[in-house]
Amino acid sequence: MRVAVVGAGVVGLSATAALMQRGAEVVCYERADEPMTGRSVGSSRIFRLAHREPELVRLAVDARAGFDRWAEQAGRPMLVPSGCVISGADVAEWAAGMEAAGVPLEMPATPDRLRLPTRRPPSEALLDPSGGVVDVDAVREYLTGLTKRALRHEPVDAVDDDGHVWTRSGPARFDAVVLAAGAGTPQLAAQAGIAVPGELQHHARFTFPVDPTVAWQSWIDLPANGLGTYQHASGPGRWAVGGHLDAAVTAWEVGRDAATTASREAVLEYAREHLAVEPRIVETVYCTPMPGLGDGFHVQRAGRVVAVHGENLFKFAPVLGAALAAACELV
């Protein structure tokens, strides 16, 4: 089987690796000079079993097993098992999803069980002891090593549902085409008759210096009022914070600079008021997510084309890659 994968983010590389392991001949097209520089950019992501939906909890369990397999093959850990705290108005929904899936959790998590760099621990929280942080650098090194002979740094201009792919080198035909191009997926998918949400927004997360001697837990805080955030240790002595701002502030038409400035001001104010970090930003990570999708992903097919879209996909990468490889065998 000859397969084209469009996009060399973590999902595209995971699919490429899974296809190669199944014996497929794969070309992975990437428009950027390096892989994993779009939505997969950065050195870390939160890993969690915690989700509101039991099926996503179970999927995360499978993904954790996949990361463990990758770690064994790579000879280095992929996950930092620090734990993950969920707090906010709907924490009971998260707990219900985890309980239905039969995974361990602590609810309520008492303040003495929380390791968060906050001046005031959340009053209502659950602890996902299986959560932590994905080492993105380790994943990148592993996947690029597996897929380097398949990688082609060339933008894809068009696709057709019969398996044709057009680039500056001309047309090529494949038995299957996987669209995992992030922000580029909607336009290409539409050419094959697949509808993918095309709206984008600006998003940035910011990293602050923090006490490096503490094994901080990852944290998702979604209060009924105030700034919702996701937070985690992005490295020794580094604490990354992303804020969920009003949609009008981060809308695409606002522009990257204005949206990033507004996000920076909101997160910096939050850090000064609530966090035990040095209120000095040492790194900014920018990306362009699709608004309103939340957790989960969608795989669609038309002819020989398989398209995937979603948000917060990094934590599912091992199972997503396998699922996309399996989908190619059905076209």
Protein backbone atom coordinates (compact mmCIF):
# COMPACT_ATOMS: atom_id res chain seq x y z
CA MET A 1 0.00 0.00 0.00
CA ARG A 2 1.23 3.47 -0.93
CA VAL A 3 0.03 6.24 1.40
CA ALA A 4 0.44 10.03 1.51
CA VAL A 5 0.29 11.71 4.91
CA VAL A 6 -0.16 15.48 4.77
CA GLY A 7 1.23 17.15 7.88
CA ALA A 8 4.19 16.24 10.07
CA GLY A 9 2.80 17.28 13.42
CA VAL A 10 2.57 14.67 16.14
CA VAL A 11 -0.59 13.15 14.62
CA GLY A 12 0.84 12.96 11.11
CA LEU A 13 4.13 11.50 12.31
CA SER A 14 2.31 9.00 14.52
CA ALA A 15 0.23 7.88 11.54
CA THR A 16 3.32 7.70 9.34
CA ALA A 17 5.16 5.56 11.89
CA ALA A 18 2.16 3.24 12.33
CA LEU A 19 1.76 2.84 8.56
CA MET A 20 5.46 2.11 8.07
CA GLN A 21 5.30 -0.51 10.81
CA ARG A 22 2.43 -2.13 8.87
CA GLY A 23 4.62 -2.32 5.77
CA ALA A 24 3.16 0.61 3.84
CA GLU A 25 5.20 2.83 1.55
CA VAL A 26 4.64 6.31 2.98
CA VAL A 27 5.38 9.87 1.92
CA CYS A 28 4.79 12.41 4.71
CA TYR A 29 4.47 15.92 3.29
CA GLU A 30 5.30 18.92 5.49
CA ARG A 31 5.33 22.55 4.37
CA ALA A 32 7.54 23.78 7.23
CA ASP A 33 11.31 23.34 7.40
CA GLU A 34 11.03 21.12 10.47
CA PRO A 35 8.36 18.70 11.74
CA MET A 36 6.13 19.45 14.74
CA THR A 37 6.37 23.23 14.46
CA GLY A 38 2.64 24.02 14.15
CA ARG A 39 0.12 22.88 16.75
CA SER A 40 2.69 20.38 18.06
CA VAL A 41 5.20 23.13 18.87
CA GLY A 42 6.75 23.42 22.34
CA SER A 43 8.53 21.11 24.75
CA SER A 44 5.60 19.78 26.81
CA ARG A 45 1.90 18.99 27.01
CA ILE A 46 -0.39 17.93 29.84
CA PHE A 47 -1.18 14.23 29.94
CA ARG A 48 -4.32 13.12 31.74
CA LEU A 49 -6.73 10.26 31.98
CA ALA A 50 -9.27 12.78 33.27
CA HIS A 51 -12.05 13.61 30.81
CA ARG A 52 -15.76 14.20 31.17
CA GLU A 53 -16.56 11.41 28.70
CA PRO A 54 -15.77 7.81 29.78
CA GLU A 55 -14.83 6.81 26.23
CA LEU A 56 -12.13 9.49 26.15
CA VAL A 57 -10.84 8.31 29.53
CA ARG A 58 -10.50 4.79 28.12
CA LEU A 59 -8.79 6.18 25.03
CA ALA A 60 -6.31 8.01 27.26
CA VAL A 61 -5.58 4.74 29.07
CA ASP A 62 -4.71 3.17 25.71
CA ALA A 63 -2.63 6.22 24.80
CA ARG A 64 -0.64 5.95 28.02
CA ALA A 65 0.16 2.33 27.15
CA GLY A 66 1.24 3.56 23.71
CA PHE A 67 3.55 6.18 25.18
CA ASP A 68 5.03 3.49 27.42
CA ARG A 69 5.74 1.31 24.35
CA TRP A 70 7.37 4.24 22.60
CA ALA A 71 9.46 4.94 25.70
CA GLU A 72 10.66 1.34 25.83
CA GLN A 73 11.64 1.44 22.16
CA ALA A 74 13.29 4.87 22.49
CA GLY A 75 15.10 4.08 25.72
CA ARG A 76 13.85 7.26 27.41
CA PRO A 77 10.62 8.20 29.23
CA MET A 78 7.84 9.95 27.32
CA LEU A 79 5.65 10.83 30.32
CA VAL A 80 6.48 12.58 33.59
CA PRO A 81 4.07 10.94 36.10
CA SER A 82 3.54 13.96 38.33
CA GLY A 83 -0.27 13.71 38.51
CA CYS A 84 -2.90 16.14 37.26
CA VAL A 85 -5.37 18.24 39.27
CA ILE A 86 -8.79 19.21 37.88
CA SER A 87 -10.68 21.99 39.64
CA GLY A 88 -13.61 24.26 38.93
CA ALA A 89 -17.37 24.40 38.74
CA ASP A 90 -17.85 21.15 36.80
CA VAL A 91 -15.29 18.97 38.56
CA ALA A 92 -18.04 16.47 39.45
CA GLU A 93 -18.59 15.78 35.74
CA TRP A 94 -14.91 14.93 35.32
CA ALA A 95 -15.07 12.63 38.34
CA ALA A 96 -18.16 10.88 36.94
CA GLY A 97 -16.42 10.24 33.63
CA MET A 98 -13.39 8.75 35.35
CA GLU A 99 -15.50 6.61 37.69
CA ALA A 100 -17.52 5.25 34.77
CA ALA A 101 -14.29 4.27 33.03
CA GLY A 102 -12.96 2.60 36.18
CA VAL A 103 -9.71 4.54 36.53
CA PRO A 104 -8.22 5.74 39.84
CA LEU A 105 -8.92 9.24 41.13
CA GLU A 106 -9.05 11.15 44.39
CA MET A 107 -12.21 13.19 44.91
CA PRO A 108 -12.22 15.41 46.81
CA ALA A 109 -8.48 15.98 46.73
CA THR A 110 -7.52 17.63 50.01
CA PRO A 111 -5.09 20.58 49.95
CA ASP A 112 -2.31 18.50 51.50
CA ARG A 113 -2.46 16.21 48.42
CA LEU A 114 -2.02 19.07 45.96
CA ARG A 115 1.37 20.27 44.73
CA LEU A 116 0.45 23.44 42.88
CA PRO A 117 2.35 26.75 42.81
CA THR A 118 -0.71 28.69 43.89
CA ARG A 119 -1.25 31.08 46.78
CA ARG A 120 -4.69 29.60 47.44
CA PRO A 121 -5.35 25.89 46.67
CA PRO A 122 -8.70 25.16 44.99
CA SER A 123 -11.48 24.28 47.41
CA GLU A 124 -13.01 21.66 45.12
CA ALA A 125 -10.65 19.49 43.11
CA LEU A 126 -9.97 15.97 41.94
CA LEU A 127 -6.56 14.38 41.53
CA ASP A 128 -5.81 12.21 38.53
CA PRO A 129 -2.79 10.27 39.88
CA SER A 130 -2.06 8.81 36.44
CA GLY A 131 -1.71 12.23 34.81
CA GLY A 132 1.37 14.36 34.34
CA VAL A 133 3.31 15.82 31.44
CA VAL A 134 4.22 14.58 27.96
CA ASP A 135 7.90 15.14 27.12
CA VAL A 136 7.37 16.57 23.64
CA ASP A 137 11.09 16.68 22.90
CA ALA A 138 11.36 12.94 23.57
CA VAL A 139 8.33 12.21 21.38
CA ARG A 140 9.68 14.41 18.58
CA GLU A 141 13.08 12.73 18.63
CA TYR A 142 11.52 9.27 18.59
CA LEU A 143 8.98 9.89 15.82
CA THR A 144 11.30 11.84 13.54
CA GLY A 145 13.87 9.08 13.89
CA LEU A 146 11.31 6.49 12.81
CA THR A 147 9.91 8.51 9.92
CA LYS A 148 12.85 10.49 8.53
CA ARG A 149 13.05 8.49 5.29
CA ALA A 150 9.35 9.17 4.63
CA LEU A 151 9.47 12.92 5.34
CA ARG A 152 9.30 15.30 2.39
CA HIS A 153 9.44 19.05 3.02
CA GLU A 154 7.04 20.12 0.31
CA PRO A 155 3.63 21.81 0.62
CA VAL A 156 0.58 20.03 -0.76
CA ASP A 157 -1.47 22.27 -3.04
CA ALA A 158 -4.44 19.99 -3.70
CA VAL A 159 -5.87 16.50 -3.16
CA ASP A 160 -8.62 14.49 -4.82
CA ASP A 161 -10.77 11.73 -3.40
CA ASP A 162 -9.29 9.29 -5.93
CA GLY A 163 -5.94 9.50 -4.11
CA HIS A 164 -4.20 12.13 -6.23
CA VAL A 165 -1.95 14.63 -4.44
CA TRP A 166 -0.59 17.74 -6.16
CA THR A 167 2.63 19.49 -5.10
CA ARG A 168 5.13 21.71 -6.91
CA SER A 169 6.73 18.48 -8.15
CA GLY A 170 3.51 17.57 -9.94
CA PRO A 171 0.74 15.04 -9.30
CA ALA A 172 1.20 11.69 -7.57
CA ARG A 173 -1.37 8.99 -6.91
CA PHE A 174 -1.67 7.01 -3.69
CA ASP A 175 -3.81 4.16 -2.42
CA ALA A 176 -4.79 6.34 0.56
CA VAL A 177 -4.26 9.93 1.69
CA VAL A 178 -4.28 11.02 5.35
CA LEU A 179 -4.98 14.70 6.02
CA ALA A 180 -3.44 15.65 9.37
CA ALA A 181 -2.39 19.16 8.44
CA GLY A 182 -3.84 21.09 11.37
CA ALA A 183 -4.97 24.50 10.19
CA GLY A 184 -4.41 23.39 6.59
CA THR A 185 -6.79 20.43 6.81
CA PRO A 186 -10.15 22.19 6.14
CA GLN A 187 -9.15 23.57 2.73
CA LEU A 188 -7.62 20.29 1.52
CA ALA A 189 -10.46 18.19 2.95
CA ALA A 190 -13.05 20.32 1.15
CA GLN A 191 -11.41 19.42 -2.18
CA ALA A 192 -12.19 15.76 -1.41
CA GLY A 193 -15.75 16.53 -0.31
CA ILE A 194 -15.08 16.37 3.44
CA ALA A 195 -16.39 19.19 5.64
CA VAL A 196 -14.00 20.18 8.44
CA PRO A 197 -14.52 23.29 10.62
CA GLY A 198 -12.33 26.03 9.24
CA GLU A 199 -12.60 28.74 11.89
CA LEU A 200 -9.36 29.50 13.73
CA GLN A 201 -8.40 31.56 16.74
CA HIS A 202 -5.16 32.78 18.26
CA HIS A 203 -3.78 31.17 21.40
CA ALA A 204 -0.62 31.57 23.43
CA ARG A 205 0.75 30.04 26.59
CA PHE A 206 3.42 31.65 28.74
CA THR A 207 6.19 30.18 30.88
CA PHE A 208 7.34 31.56 34.25
CA PRO A 209 10.25 30.67 36.53
CA VAL A 210 9.17 28.50 39.49
CA ASP A 211 10.81 26.59 42.34
CA PRO A 212 12.69 23.73 40.60
CA THR A 213 12.87 21.54 43.71
CA VAL A 214 9.15 20.64 43.72
CA ALA A 215 7.56 17.96 41.50
CA TRP A 216 4.59 20.14 40.59
CA GLN A 217 1.36 18.53 39.42
CA SER A 218 -0.31 19.58 36.17
CA TRP A 219 -3.45 21.63 36.69
CA ILE A 220 -6.63 22.39 34.76
CA ASP A 221 -8.72 25.03 36.52
CA LEU A 222 -12.11 25.98 35.07
CA PRO A 223 -13.85 28.24 37.60
CA ALA A 224 -17.38 29.53 37.12
CA ASN A 225 -15.99 33.07 37.29
CA GLY A 226 -12.57 34.41 36.42
CA LEU A 227 -9.86 33.19 34.08
CA GLY A 228 -9.86 29.48 33.26
CA THR A 229 -6.36 28.07 32.85
CA TYR A 230 -4.29 25.00 32.11
CA GLN A 231 -0.89 24.82 33.80
CA HIS A 232 2.04 22.43 34.02
CA ALA A 233 5.77 22.10 34.54
CA SER A 234 7.34 22.52 31.10
CA GLY A 235 10.79 21.71 32.46
CA PRO A 236 12.82 22.07 35.65
CA GLY A 237 12.02 25.43 37.20
CA ARG A 238 9.56 26.32 34.41
CA TRP A 239 5.79 26.72 34.82
CA ALA A 240 3.63 27.08 31.68
CA VAL A 241 0.23 28.78 31.87
CA GLY A 242 -2.39 29.11 29.16
CA GLY A 243 -5.57 31.10 29.66
CA HIS A 244 -9.05 30.67 28.19
CA LEU A 245 -9.94 34.22 27.23
CA ASP A 246 -13.17 35.62 25.84
CA ALA A 247 -13.57 34.53 22.21
CA ALA A 248 -13.77 38.12 21.02
CA VAL A 249 -10.24 38.77 22.31
CA THR A 250 -8.63 35.85 20.45
CA ALA A 251 -10.78 35.80 17.29
CA TRP A 252 -8.86 35.39 14.04
CA GLU A 253 -9.74 38.84 12.74
CA VAL A 254 -8.16 40.44 15.84
CA GLY A 255 -4.71 39.49 14.57
CA ARG A 256 -1.88 37.55 16.15
CA ASP A 257 -0.10 40.48 17.79
CA ALA A 258 -3.19 41.98 19.45
CA ALA A 259 -4.49 38.60 20.61
CA THR A 260 -1.11 37.55 22.00
CA THR A 261 -0.71 40.88 23.80
CA ALA A 262 -4.16 40.56 25.40
CA SER A 263 -3.42 36.97 26.42
CA ARG A 264 -0.07 37.96 27.84
CA GLU A 265 -1.58 40.74 29.94
CA ALA A 266 -4.38 38.50 31.27
CA VAL A 267 -2.08 35.59 32.17
CA LEU A 268 0.56 37.87 33.69
CA GLU A 269 -2.07 39.55 35.88
CA TYR A 270 -3.36 36.12 36.91
CA ALA A 271 0.15 34.93 37.77
CA ARG A 272 0.86 38.00 39.90
CA GLU A 273 -2.36 37.59 41.84
CA HIS A 274 -2.70 33.83 42.20
CA LEU A 275 0.58 31.99 41.58
CA ALA A 276 3.78 31.45 43.55
CA VAL A 277 5.94 31.98 40.48
CA GLU A 278 8.30 34.73 39.45
CA PRO A 279 6.00 37.02 37.40
CA ARG A 280 8.41 37.16 34.49
CA ILE A 281 7.63 35.50 31.16
CA VAL A 282 10.57 33.52 29.79
CA GLU A 283 8.86 31.76 26.89
CA THR A 284 5.79 32.21 24.69
CA VAL A 285 4.30 29.34 22.69
CA TYR A 286 1.80 30.35 20.00
CA CYS A 287 -0.64 28.20 18.02
CA THR A 288 -3.88 28.46 16.02
CA PRO A 289 -6.56 26.10 17.40
CA MET A 290 -10.12 25.65 16.21
CA PRO A 291 -12.49 27.31 18.72
CA GLY A 292 -15.11 25.37 20.61
CA LEU A 293 -13.95 21.82 19.89
CA GLY A 294 -12.72 20.84 23.36
CA ASP A 295 -11.46 17.29 23.82
CA GLY A 296 -11.83 14.45 21.34
CA PHE A 297 -11.25 14.07 17.62
CA HIS A 298 -13.11 13.30 14.41
CA VAL A 299 -12.01 11.00 11.56
CA GLN A 300 -13.86 11.30 8.24
CA ARG A 301 -13.44 9.50 4.93
CA ALA A 302 -14.29 10.24 1.30
CA GLY A 303 -13.01 7.90 -1.38
CA ARG A 304 -9.32 7.32 -0.69
CA VAL A 305 -8.96 10.34 1.62
CA VAL A 306 -9.04 10.15 5.42
CA ALA A 307 -9.16 13.45 7.35
CA VAL A 308 -8.68 13.98 11.07
CA HIS A 309 -9.37 17.09 13.13
CA GLY A 310 -9.75 18.00 16.78
CA GLU A 311 -8.06 19.76 19.66
CA ASN A 312 -5.91 18.61 22.59
CA LEU A 313 -4.78 15.69 20.44
CA PHE A 314 -1.18 15.31 21.59
CA LYS A 315 -2.11 13.12 24.54
CA PHE A 316 -3.87 10.70 22.16
CA ALA A 317 -1.04 10.52 19.59
CA PRO A 318 -0.17 6.79 19.87
CA VAL A 319 -3.77 5.62 19.47
CA LEU A 320 -4.58 8.24 16.83
CA GLY A 321 -1.68 7.11 14.68
CA ALA A 322 -2.80 3.49 14.90
CA ALA A 323 -6.44 4.41 14.18
CA LEU A 324 -5.50 6.41 11.08
CA ALA A 325 -3.27 3.61 9.81
CA ALA A 326 -6.15 1.16 10.24
CA ALA A 327 -8.53 3.55 8.45
CA CYS A 328 -6.21 3.62 5.43
CA GLU A 329 -6.56 -0.13 5.05
CA LEU A 330 -10.33 0.28 4.67
CA VAL A 331 -10.31 2.78 1.79
